[in-house]
Amino acid sequence: MDKGLYEKYTVINNKTGKQIEGMVFVLLPDHDVVALKALETYVEYTDNVFLKEDLHDFIKHQQRLKGEIGMNEVKAIKIHDELRQKPSESEKKVEVLRKMLADQIDKNVKSEVKVKRIR
């Protein structure tokens, strides 16, 4: 269930190892299309040329990944349909799906900020 704006994450400064004070809003653009759009807007308004370039590259990379994910989803649907038709090959197909998902997760794991979910 959606809650709105609340303290969902604790953000730690990598240099100091201390929690960031004040309001922090965490975006997860590799999981949330809206967050990616927010970064696109940020790129338009920031004066930091280096950050602008880095974010632009990151956004393009995420957009490419979304295309790859889309293709993987198509493959997963085809495999699912085949599983229903050929149960004898189900173990092999499940392993292919697991590998595809694990590969995609490995691509998305990199992060510069340590984020710990508040329970």
Foldseek 3Di string as FASTA:
>chain_A
DDDPDDCFKFWADPVPRHTDDDDDDDAQVLVDVVSLVVLVVVLVPDPPPVVNVVNVVVSVVSVVLVVVVVVLVVVLVVLVVVCVVDVVCNVVSVVVNVVSVVVSVVVRPDDDIDMDTDD
